[in-house]
């Protein structure tokens, strides 16, 4: 975010942190998540890819709505749930219908767009983008069933002016490429960070993409080590979230999935989808989606207080440094 001087920049940079991060986090930690406080939206039933691990096309599609209809649906939901503050825009490929997002994103405090990165990102600096990076170039393009995507994706998503993070779905195809991918994207792009989740078995999709609990635990241990020893916050997940995804902790999270009970996942026609964004065919006992684990972490008081204090210290230090004039 550009400013005329370091003095002007410091307090200005703190405002989004307090508004979009600190205040909501402390609120939800204190009172829990009200019903309907976050949603995901299947913006479109169209996509320019057919990825090997994609759950979307295993669901029945009933048509689509235009921007005006989506705005009306969102406003109706906000009347019922006055704490509705967050929307994740998915698909299909949501940027194929970016006009819908452009019209409706103003109704949310927080917007996250999950994209395959094959199209240039719109100039929405207040919006968060997740680009799917599923392994090194060879693994990514095998999972995407198309060549030439990896370098195009890096070109489109390496934006200093936008908040872009990557999300890697760990499968049997790409689990050996994690450190290579982190090194590549941390040194050759302007990516803000990298997140990881695991392939969730879906009825109708090949089960061999699931890596099993032993391998999943080993990957989590690898990520924890890499976060502590080399990449720090570039692995943009609290350690506690990673620990919750381990075999010994997973079921206590997924048996009481906060997204399923407190959120809504909407189909392309605005109907509430069964279970979550992965749909009714997802195997919840082997869930690898980061969302339920992150939501569970968001209501654990001790870990939130510790993490929030670290975030405050980091932002205050950054502000203090930006106030110092170079001589």
Protein backbone atom coordinates (compact mmCIF):
# COMPACT_ATOMS: atom_id res chain seq x y z
CA UNK A 1 0.00 0.00 0.00
CA UNK A 2 1.70 3.20 -1.13
CA UNK A 3 2.14 6.21 1.15
CA UNK A 4 3.80 9.57 0.87
CA UNK A 5 6.12 8.98 3.81
CA UNK A 6 7.08 6.33 6.37
CA UNK A 7 5.35 8.37 9.07
CA UNK A 8 2.08 8.29 7.14
CA UNK A 9 2.40 4.59 6.43
CA UNK A 10 2.78 3.14 9.91
CA UNK A 11 -0.64 3.81 11.47
CA UNK A 12 -2.31 3.29 8.10
CA UNK A 13 -0.87 -0.22 7.87
CA UNK A 14 -2.09 -1.07 11.37
CA UNK A 15 -5.75 -0.32 10.56
CA UNK A 16 -6.35 -3.42 8.38
CA UNK A 17 -4.66 -5.62 10.99
CA UNK A 18 -6.98 -4.41 13.76
CA UNK A 19 -10.11 -4.31 11.59
CA UNK A 20 -9.74 -7.54 9.63
CA UNK A 21 -7.66 -9.68 11.96
CA UNK A 22 -7.40 -8.70 15.62
CA UNK A 23 -10.93 -7.53 16.42
CA UNK A 24 -12.76 -10.39 14.62
CA UNK A 25 -10.36 -12.97 16.07
CA UNK A 26 -10.85 -11.79 19.65
CA UNK A 27 -14.61 -11.56 19.13
CA UNK A 28 -14.95 -15.12 17.83
CA UNK A 29 -12.58 -16.44 20.49
CA UNK A 30 -14.75 -14.83 23.18
CA UNK A 31 -18.28 -15.67 21.98
CA UNK A 32 -17.67 -18.41 19.41
CA UNK A 33 -18.89 -18.36 15.82
CA UNK A 34 -22.51 -17.26 15.39
CA UNK A 35 -24.52 -19.40 12.98
CA UNK A 36 -24.01 -18.19 9.42
CA UNK A 37 -21.00 -15.97 10.13
CA UNK A 38 -19.09 -17.26 7.08
CA UNK A 39 -20.02 -18.72 3.72
CA UNK A 40 -18.44 -20.19 0.62
CA UNK A 41 -19.93 -19.52 -2.79
CA UNK A 42 -19.69 -21.66 -5.91
CA UNK A 43 -19.65 -18.69 -8.27
CA UNK A 44 -19.88 -20.69 -11.48
CA UNK A 45 -20.20 -24.23 -12.78
CA UNK A 46 -17.56 -23.50 -15.44
CA UNK A 47 -13.82 -24.11 -15.27
CA UNK A 48 -11.05 -24.00 -17.84
CA UNK A 49 -9.41 -27.09 -16.30
CA UNK A 50 -10.43 -30.58 -15.21
CA UNK A 51 -8.02 -31.42 -12.40
CA UNK A 52 -7.52 -34.98 -11.27
CA UNK A 53 -8.33 -34.24 -7.62
CA UNK A 54 -11.21 -31.76 -8.09
CA UNK A 55 -14.37 -32.48 -6.10
CA UNK A 56 -16.54 -29.93 -7.89
CA UNK A 57 -17.61 -31.91 -10.95
CA UNK A 58 -18.60 -34.89 -8.81
CA UNK A 59 -21.50 -32.75 -7.58
CA UNK A 60 -24.77 -32.25 -9.42
CA UNK A 61 -24.92 -28.83 -11.07
CA UNK A 62 -28.30 -27.11 -11.30
CA UNK A 63 -27.47 -23.96 -13.28
CA UNK A 64 -26.05 -20.58 -12.32
CA UNK A 65 -27.18 -17.14 -11.11
CA UNK A 66 -26.19 -13.70 -12.35
CA UNK A 67 -24.65 -10.91 -10.26
CA UNK A 68 -27.99 -9.31 -9.40
CA UNK A 69 -29.44 -12.59 -8.14
CA UNK A 70 -26.32 -13.33 -6.11
CA UNK A 71 -26.44 -9.92 -4.48
CA UNK A 72 -30.08 -10.45 -3.52
CA UNK A 73 -29.24 -13.88 -2.07
CA UNK A 74 -26.35 -12.50 -0.04
CA UNK A 75 -28.39 -9.60 1.31
CA UNK A 76 -31.13 -12.05 2.36
CA UNK A 77 -28.54 -14.14 4.23
CA UNK A 78 -27.15 -11.05 5.92
CA UNK A 79 -30.61 -10.17 7.21
CA UNK A 80 -30.78 -13.58 8.89
CA UNK A 81 -27.14 -13.60 10.09
CA UNK A 82 -26.03 -10.12 11.02
CA UNK A 83 -22.55 -11.42 11.86
CA UNK A 84 -21.99 -12.74 8.32
CA UNK A 85 -18.59 -11.18 7.62
CA UNK A 86 -16.57 -13.57 5.47
CA UNK A 87 -16.96 -15.14 2.03
CA UNK A 88 -14.77 -17.60 0.17
CA UNK A 89 -15.38 -17.45 -3.57
CA UNK A 90 -14.81 -20.81 -5.27
CA UNK A 91 -16.19 -22.72 -8.24
CA UNK A 92 -15.51 -23.88 -10.88
CA UNK A 93 -13.00 -21.14 -11.57
CA UNK A 94 -14.44 -18.04 -9.85
CA UNK A 95 -12.53 -15.51 -11.96
CA UNK A 96 -14.50 -16.65 -15.00
CA UNK A 97 -17.35 -14.74 -13.35
CA UNK A 98 -15.42 -11.96 -11.66
CA UNK A 99 -18.28 -9.53 -12.29
CA UNK A 100 -20.32 -11.36 -9.65
CA UNK A 101 -17.51 -11.04 -7.11
CA UNK A 102 -16.88 -7.40 -8.00
CA UNK A 103 -20.52 -6.55 -7.33
CA UNK A 104 -20.92 -8.59 -4.14
CA UNK A 105 -17.58 -8.41 -2.31
CA UNK A 106 -18.49 -5.04 -0.74
CA UNK A 107 -20.98 -6.87 1.50
CA UNK A 108 -18.21 -8.72 3.37
CA UNK A 109 -15.45 -7.66 5.71
CA UNK A 110 -13.22 -10.43 4.37
CA UNK A 111 -13.15 -11.90 0.85
CA UNK A 112 -11.01 -14.86 -0.24
CA UNK A 113 -10.86 -15.96 -3.87
CA UNK A 114 -9.57 -19.46 -4.62
CA UNK A 115 -8.22 -19.53 -8.17
CA UNK A 116 -6.20 -21.84 -10.39
CA UNK A 117 -4.02 -18.88 -11.43
CA UNK A 118 -4.46 -19.31 -15.18
CA UNK A 119 -5.94 -15.82 -15.55
CA UNK A 120 -4.53 -12.44 -14.48
CA UNK A 121 -5.73 -11.39 -11.04
CA UNK A 122 -8.03 -8.36 -10.85
CA UNK A 123 -6.74 -5.22 -9.12
CA UNK A 124 -8.53 -5.76 -5.82
CA UNK A 125 -5.98 -4.89 -3.11
CA UNK A 126 -8.52 -5.31 -0.29
CA UNK A 127 -9.18 -8.93 -1.35
CA UNK A 128 -7.24 -12.09 -0.48
CA UNK A 129 -6.31 -14.57 -3.20
CA UNK A 130 -5.41 -18.26 -2.85
CA UNK A 131 -3.74 -19.75 -5.88
CA UNK A 132 -3.65 -23.55 -6.08
CA UNK A 133 -0.07 -24.80 -6.49
CA UNK A 134 -0.16 -28.56 -6.44
CA UNK A 135 3.48 -29.56 -6.50
CA UNK A 136 6.49 -28.76 -8.63
CA UNK A 137 6.01 -28.11 -12.33
CA UNK A 138 5.82 -31.79 -13.28
CA UNK A 139 3.46 -32.80 -10.45
CA UNK A 140 1.27 -29.72 -10.80
CA UNK A 141 0.69 -30.22 -14.50
CA UNK A 142 0.07 -33.93 -14.05
CA UNK A 143 -2.68 -33.15 -11.54
CA UNK A 144 -4.04 -30.39 -13.78
CA UNK A 145 -3.92 -32.63 -16.86
CA UNK A 146 -2.49 -29.80 -18.93
CA UNK A 147 1.00 -28.54 -19.72
CA UNK A 148 2.30 -24.99 -19.71
CA UNK A 149 0.32 -23.94 -16.65
CA UNK A 150 2.99 -23.66 -14.00
CA UNK A 151 4.99 -20.76 -15.45
CA UNK A 152 1.80 -18.97 -16.52
CA UNK A 153 0.48 -19.27 -12.99
CA UNK A 154 3.67 -17.82 -11.52
CA UNK A 155 3.49 -14.88 -13.93
CA UNK A 156 -0.14 -14.11 -13.11
CA UNK A 157 0.13 -14.45 -9.35
CA UNK A 158 3.47 -12.83 -8.51
CA UNK A 159 1.98 -9.46 -7.56
CA UNK A 160 3.59 -7.11 -5.03
CA UNK A 161 0.43 -5.01 -4.87
CA UNK A 162 -1.97 -7.84 -3.97
CA UNK A 163 -2.29 -10.24 -1.07
CA UNK A 164 -1.66 -13.60 -2.75
CA UNK A 165 -0.95 -16.82 -0.94
CA UNK A 166 -0.66 -20.33 -2.35
CA UNK A 167 -2.51 -23.43 -1.25
CA UNK A 168 -1.11 -26.88 -1.97
CA UNK A 169 -3.33 -29.94 -1.74
CA UNK A 170 -0.96 -32.75 -0.75
CA UNK A 171 -1.57 -35.98 -2.68
CA UNK A 172 0.35 -39.13 -3.55
CA UNK A 173 1.46 -37.34 -6.74
CA UNK A 174 3.10 -34.31 -5.12
CA UNK A 175 3.95 -35.18 -1.50
CA UNK A 176 7.67 -35.51 -2.34
CA UNK A 177 7.87 -32.00 -3.85
CA UNK A 178 6.99 -29.85 -0.81
CA UNK A 179 10.44 -28.46 -0.01
CA UNK A 180 11.21 -27.87 -3.68
CA UNK A 181 7.97 -25.93 -4.10
CA UNK A 182 8.58 -23.79 -1.00
CA UNK A 183 12.08 -22.91 -2.19
CA UNK A 184 10.88 -22.06 -5.69
CA UNK A 185 7.94 -19.84 -4.71
CA UNK A 186 9.69 -18.12 -1.80
CA UNK A 187 12.64 -17.04 -3.95
CA UNK A 188 11.14 -16.34 -7.38
CA UNK A 189 7.74 -14.71 -6.64
CA UNK A 190 6.11 -12.05 -4.49
CA UNK A 191 3.86 -14.59 -2.83
CA UNK A 192 2.89 -13.66 0.76
CA UNK A 193 2.85 -17.22 2.05
CA UNK A 194 2.05 -20.87 1.47
CA UNK A 195 -0.66 -23.05 3.02
CA UNK A 196 -1.12 -26.81 2.89
CA UNK A 197 -3.99 -29.20 3.14
CA UNK A 198 -4.50 -32.84 2.17
CA UNK A 199 -6.59 -34.57 -0.44
CA UNK A 200 -9.96 -35.57 0.99
CA UNK A 201 -11.31 -38.78 -0.51
CA UNK A 202 -14.48 -38.12 -2.51
CA UNK A 203 -16.91 -40.76 -3.68
CA UNK A 204 -16.36 -41.10 -7.43
CA UNK A 205 -12.73 -39.93 -7.44
CA UNK A 206 -9.68 -42.23 -7.29
CA UNK A 207 -8.79 -43.14 -3.70
CA UNK A 208 -5.10 -43.54 -4.55
CA UNK A 209 -4.57 -39.78 -4.24
CA UNK A 210 -5.07 -40.15 -0.46
CA UNK A 211 -1.63 -40.55 1.14
CA UNK A 212 -2.73 -42.33 4.32
CA UNK A 213 -2.37 -41.29 7.96
CA UNK A 214 1.23 -42.36 8.47
CA UNK A 215 2.42 -40.36 5.46
CA UNK A 216 0.19 -37.42 6.45
CA UNK A 217 1.75 -37.30 9.91
CA UNK A 218 5.21 -37.40 8.33
CA UNK A 219 4.35 -34.50 5.99
CA UNK A 220 3.06 -32.45 8.94
CA UNK A 221 6.28 -33.12 10.86
CA UNK A 222 8.22 -32.01 7.78
CA UNK A 223 6.20 -28.79 7.55
CA UNK A 224 6.67 -28.05 11.24
CA UNK A 225 10.42 -28.53 10.89
CA UNK A 226 10.62 -26.36 7.76
CA UNK A 227 8.54 -23.64 9.43
CA UNK A 228 10.76 -23.56 12.51
CA UNK A 229 14.11 -23.92 10.81
CA UNK A 230 13.84 -22.09 7.50
CA UNK A 231 10.58 -20.63 6.20
CA UNK A 232 8.90 -19.14 9.28
CA UNK A 233 5.70 -17.29 8.44
CA UNK A 234 6.05 -18.09 4.72
CA UNK A 235 4.41 -21.35 5.78
CA UNK A 236 1.30 -19.34 6.59
CA UNK A 237 -0.27 -21.71 9.11
CA UNK A 238 0.00 -21.68 12.90
CA UNK A 239 1.81 -24.73 14.22
CA UNK A 240 -1.30 -25.64 16.22
CA UNK A 241 -3.36 -25.95 13.02
CA UNK A 242 -0.83 -28.38 11.60
CA UNK A 243 -0.85 -30.40 14.83
CA UNK A 244 -4.66 -30.60 14.73
CA UNK A 245 -4.44 -32.21 11.29
CA UNK A 246 -2.50 -35.19 12.62
CA UNK A 247 -4.15 -38.59 12.93
CA UNK A 248 -4.46 -38.47 16.73
CA UNK A 249 -6.26 -35.10 16.67
CA UNK A 250 -8.16 -35.03 13.39
CA UNK A 251 -11.33 -36.87 14.35
CA UNK A 252 -12.12 -34.72 17.37
CA UNK A 253 -12.11 -31.76 14.98
CA UNK A 254 -14.07 -33.30 12.11
CA UNK A 255 -16.68 -34.93 14.39
CA UNK A 256 -17.58 -31.41 15.50
CA UNK A 257 -16.85 -29.51 12.30
CA UNK A 258 -17.45 -25.82 12.93
CA UNK A 259 -17.95 -25.06 9.26
CA UNK A 260 -20.73 -27.63 8.94
CA UNK A 261 -22.57 -26.31 12.00
CA UNK A 262 -21.85 -22.57 11.75
CA UNK A 263 -21.18 -21.82 8.08
CA UNK A 264 -22.97 -22.23 4.78
CA UNK A 265 -21.62 -23.51 1.49
CA UNK A 266 -23.75 -22.30 -1.40
CA UNK A 267 -24.22 -24.02 -4.74
CA UNK A 268 -24.18 -22.16 -8.06
CA UNK A 269 -27.91 -21.49 -7.56
CA UNK A 270 -27.52 -20.19 -4.02
CA UNK A 271 -28.81 -23.31 -2.27
CA UNK A 272 -27.11 -24.56 0.89
CA UNK A 273 -24.87 -27.49 0.04
CA UNK A 274 -24.85 -30.60 2.23
CA UNK A 275 -21.87 -30.82 4.60
CA UNK A 276 -19.48 -28.18 3.29
CA UNK A 277 -17.84 -26.87 0.13
CA UNK A 278 -16.58 -30.40 -0.65
CA UNK A 279 -20.17 -31.57 -0.87
CA UNK A 280 -22.09 -34.64 0.32
CA UNK A 281 -19.68 -37.20 -1.15
CA UNK A 282 -16.70 -36.13 0.98
CA UNK A 283 -15.23 -38.61 3.49
CA UNK A 284 -15.25 -36.46 6.63
CA UNK A 285 -13.32 -39.04 8.67
CA UNK A 286 -10.35 -38.49 6.33
CA UNK A 287 -10.88 -34.75 5.84
CA UNK A 288 -7.75 -32.91 4.76
CA UNK A 289 -9.31 -29.48 4.17
CA UNK A 290 -7.59 -26.87 6.31
CA UNK A 291 -10.84 -25.01 7.10
CA UNK A 292 -12.24 -27.09 10.00
CA UNK A 293 -8.83 -27.28 11.68
CA UNK A 294 -8.27 -23.55 11.34
CA UNK A 295 -11.75 -22.76 12.69
CA UNK A 296 -11.16 -25.10 15.62
CA UNK A 297 -7.91 -23.27 16.34
CA UNK A 298 -9.75 -19.93 16.20
CA UNK A 299 -11.81 -20.83 19.27
CA UNK A 300 -9.01 -22.35 21.36
CA UNK A 301 -8.49 -19.50 23.84
CA UNK A 302 -4.96 -20.24 25.03
CA UNK A 303 -3.43 -20.68 21.58
CA UNK A 304 -5.30 -17.68 20.19
CA UNK A 305 -4.13 -15.38 22.98
CA UNK A 306 -0.54 -16.48 22.50
CA UNK A 307 -0.71 -16.15 18.71
CA UNK A 308 -2.50 -12.80 18.85
CA UNK A 309 0.11 -11.35 21.20
CA UNK A 310 2.86 -12.45 18.80
CA UNK A 311 0.98 -10.81 15.89
CA UNK A 312 0.55 -7.56 17.81
CA UNK A 313 4.25 -7.47 18.68
CA UNK A 314 5.20 -8.13 15.06
CA UNK A 315 2.95 -5.38 13.70
CA UNK A 316 4.04 -2.86 16.33
CA UNK A 317 7.68 -3.60 15.57
CA UNK A 318 7.04 -3.17 11.84
CA UNK A 319 5.28 0.13 12.50
CA UNK A 320 8.12 1.39 14.67
CA UNK A 321 10.66 0.49 12.00
CA UNK A 322 8.65 2.28 9.31
CA UNK A 323 8.65 5.47 11.38
CA UNK A 324 12.43 5.69 11.32
CA UNK A 325 13.62 8.02 8.60
CA UNK A 326 16.63 6.77 6.63
CA UNK A 327 19.60 9.12 7.01
